[in-house]
Protein backbone atom coordinates (compact mmCIF):
# COMPACT_ATOMS: atom_id res chain seq x y z
CA MET A 1 34.37 -0.07 34.07
CA LYS A 2 31.19 -2.11 34.10
CA LYS A 3 29.04 0.98 34.68
CA LEU A 4 30.74 2.69 31.65
CA THR A 5 30.02 -0.24 29.51
CA VAL A 6 26.33 -0.35 30.46
CA VAL A 7 26.11 3.56 29.81
CA ILE A 8 27.80 3.21 26.37
CA LEU A 9 25.54 0.21 25.48
CA SER A 10 22.40 2.20 26.59
CA LEU A 11 23.32 5.15 24.55
CA PHE A 12 24.00 2.99 21.47
CA ILE A 13 20.56 1.42 21.88
CA VAL A 14 18.81 4.82 22.33
CA ILE A 15 20.63 6.31 19.31
CA SER A 16 19.78 3.30 17.17
CA CYS A 17 16.07 3.61 18.20
CA LEU A 18 16.05 7.31 17.31
CA GLY A 19 17.49 6.60 13.90
CA GLN A 20 14.97 3.86 13.33
CA ASP A 21 12.16 6.19 14.18
CA LYS A 22 13.33 8.86 11.72
CA MET A 23 13.55 6.23 8.98
CA GLU A 24 10.07 5.01 9.68
CA LYS A 25 8.70 8.65 9.46
CA LYS A 26 10.43 8.88 6.06
CA ASP A 27 9.06 5.52 4.98
CA ARG A 28 5.63 6.29 6.29
CA ALA A 29 5.52 9.60 4.34
CA GLU A 30 6.66 7.86 1.09
CA ILE A 31 4.12 5.10 1.49
CA SER A 32 1.34 7.61 2.31
CA SER A 33 2.37 9.48 -0.89
CA LEU A 34 2.09 6.27 -2.87
CA LEU A 35 -1.36 5.64 -1.58
CA LYS A 36 -2.36 9.22 -2.35
CA LYS A 37 -1.04 8.68 -5.88
CA GLN A 38 -3.42 5.65 -6.11
CA VAL A 39 -6.43 7.70 -5.00
CA ASP A 40 -5.63 10.62 -7.30
CA ALA A 41 -5.13 8.30 -10.33
CA TRP A 42 -8.32 6.39 -9.59
CA ASN A 43 -10.33 9.63 -9.08
CA ALA A 44 -8.97 10.87 -12.42
CA GLY A 45 -10.15 7.75 -14.18
CA ASN A 46 -6.67 6.68 -15.02
CA LEU A 47 -6.16 2.92 -14.33
CA GLU A 48 -2.74 2.87 -15.93
CA LYS A 49 -1.45 5.59 -13.59
CA PHE A 50 -3.21 3.80 -10.67
CA MET A 51 -1.26 0.66 -11.64
CA GLU A 52 2.05 2.47 -11.52
CA THR A 53 1.93 1.92 -7.74
CA TYR A 54 2.05 -1.86 -8.23
CA TRP A 55 5.11 -3.93 -8.88
CA ASN A 56 5.28 -4.48 -12.63
CA SER A 57 5.92 -8.19 -12.42
CA ASP A 58 4.38 -11.59 -13.02
CA SER A 59 4.95 -12.11 -9.33
CA LEU A 60 2.44 -9.38 -8.26
CA VAL A 61 -0.51 -10.94 -6.38
CA PHE A 62 -3.96 -9.42 -6.13
CA VAL A 63 -6.59 -11.29 -4.06
CA GLY A 64 -10.23 -10.27 -4.48
CA GLY A 65 -13.57 -11.96 -4.36
CA ASN A 66 -12.80 -14.34 -7.13
CA GLY A 67 -9.50 -15.45 -5.58
CA PRO A 68 -5.93 -14.58 -6.53
CA THR A 69 -4.80 -12.94 -9.68
CA TYR A 70 -1.03 -13.30 -10.58
CA GLY A 71 0.73 -10.66 -12.51
CA TRP A 72 0.63 -6.92 -13.20
CA GLN A 73 -0.92 -7.18 -16.70
CA ARG A 74 -3.65 -9.56 -15.54
CA THR A 75 -4.46 -7.31 -12.59
CA LEU A 76 -4.73 -4.25 -14.89
CA GLU A 77 -7.04 -6.28 -17.18
CA ASN A 78 -9.26 -7.31 -14.25
CA TYR A 79 -9.50 -3.67 -13.15
CA LYS A 80 -10.51 -2.56 -16.71
CA LYS A 81 -13.11 -5.34 -16.88
CA ARG A 82 -14.60 -4.54 -13.53
CA TYR A 83 -14.53 -0.73 -13.90
CA PRO A 84 -14.82 -0.19 -17.72
CA THR A 85 -16.24 3.31 -17.44
CA ARG A 86 -15.59 6.42 -15.35
CA ALA A 87 -19.09 6.17 -13.83
CA GLU A 88 -18.33 2.55 -12.75
CA MET A 89 -15.01 3.70 -11.22
CA GLY A 90 -16.68 6.52 -9.23
CA GLU A 91 -14.53 8.26 -6.66
CA THR A 92 -12.49 6.55 -3.97
CA HIS A 93 -11.12 7.50 -0.50
CA PHE A 94 -8.69 5.50 1.62
CA LYS A 95 -8.37 5.48 5.31
CA ILE A 96 -5.15 3.82 6.65
CA LEU A 97 -5.86 1.87 9.80
CA ARG A 98 -2.42 0.50 10.44
CA MET A 99 0.95 0.68 8.84
CA SER A 100 3.83 -1.47 10.22
CA LYS A 101 7.26 -2.36 9.05
CA ILE A 102 7.96 -6.10 8.43
CA ASP A 103 11.66 -5.48 7.78
CA ASP A 104 13.79 -2.67 6.25
CA LYS A 105 12.29 -3.07 2.85
CA THR A 106 8.84 -4.36 3.55
CA VAL A 107 5.71 -2.61 5.04
CA PHE A 108 2.29 -4.05 5.83
CA VAL A 109 -0.72 -1.80 5.51
CA ILE A 110 -4.34 -2.33 6.56
CA GLY A 111 -6.85 0.17 5.26
CA ARG A 112 -10.44 0.91 4.35
CA TYR A 113 -11.69 2.05 0.93
CA GLU A 114 -14.92 3.73 0.07
CA LEU A 115 -16.11 4.02 -3.52
CA THR A 116 -18.81 6.52 -4.22
CA ARG A 117 -20.81 5.99 -7.37
CA GLU A 118 -24.20 6.95 -8.81
CA MET A 119 -24.82 3.21 -9.46
CA GLY A 120 -24.30 2.34 -5.82
CA ASN A 121 -21.51 2.83 -3.32
CA LEU A 122 -18.94 0.12 -2.46
CA ALA A 123 -16.78 -0.09 0.69
CA GLY A 124 -14.38 -2.60 2.25
CA HIS A 125 -10.91 -3.25 3.58
CA PHE A 126 -7.64 -4.02 2.06
CA THR A 127 -4.25 -5.35 3.15
CA LEU A 128 -1.22 -4.40 1.18
CA VAL A 129 2.41 -5.63 1.23
CA ILE A 130 4.52 -2.80 0.06
CA GLN A 131 8.25 -3.31 -0.74
CA ASN A 132 11.20 -1.02 -1.57
CA ILE A 133 12.36 -2.30 -4.94
CA ASP A 134 15.29 -0.50 -6.45
CA GLY A 135 14.66 2.51 -4.19
CA LYS A 136 10.94 2.77 -5.00
CA TRP A 137 8.02 1.57 -2.80
CA LEU A 138 5.71 -0.66 -4.74
CA ILE A 139 2.67 -2.83 -3.82
CA ILE A 140 3.60 -6.41 -4.26
CA SER A 141 0.50 -7.96 -2.80
CA ASP A 142 -2.97 -6.53 -2.47
CA HIS A 143 -5.98 -8.28 -0.78
CA SER A 144 -9.14 -6.27 -1.09
CA SER A 145 -12.56 -7.37 0.15
CA ALA A 146 -15.85 -5.65 -0.25
CA GLU A 147 -18.35 -5.43 2.64
CA ASN A 148 -21.64 -7.36 2.26
């Protein structure tokens, strides 16, 4: 009886792990799609579309060189101020360095961005907290830092 209990418990653990792995692949694909949407919107010069990947809330946090900015609207305004023209936006590319689940609804992403522009290229790293809100993955916190 003891062996049967151990076997059943072991099977339950293996099946649970396999189910979790499948869920993580689905989540990874959805989050990768979200980040691709960001890149595509940026490269099209569409900041409003770019911002659709962020949580439209006063609780959104963006941390950059000037410290934290709170709120979706203020974050959009800062992007528009920093990148007022298509030339200043340039073209961006992301490289995801790490993506890990914090819990069932929250993912932590570390990545690198490269911004190619005629006026001078920029590059750096970012950390994102992405959360599933009402069935949709959205960035709730973004910390982006440029290289010196």
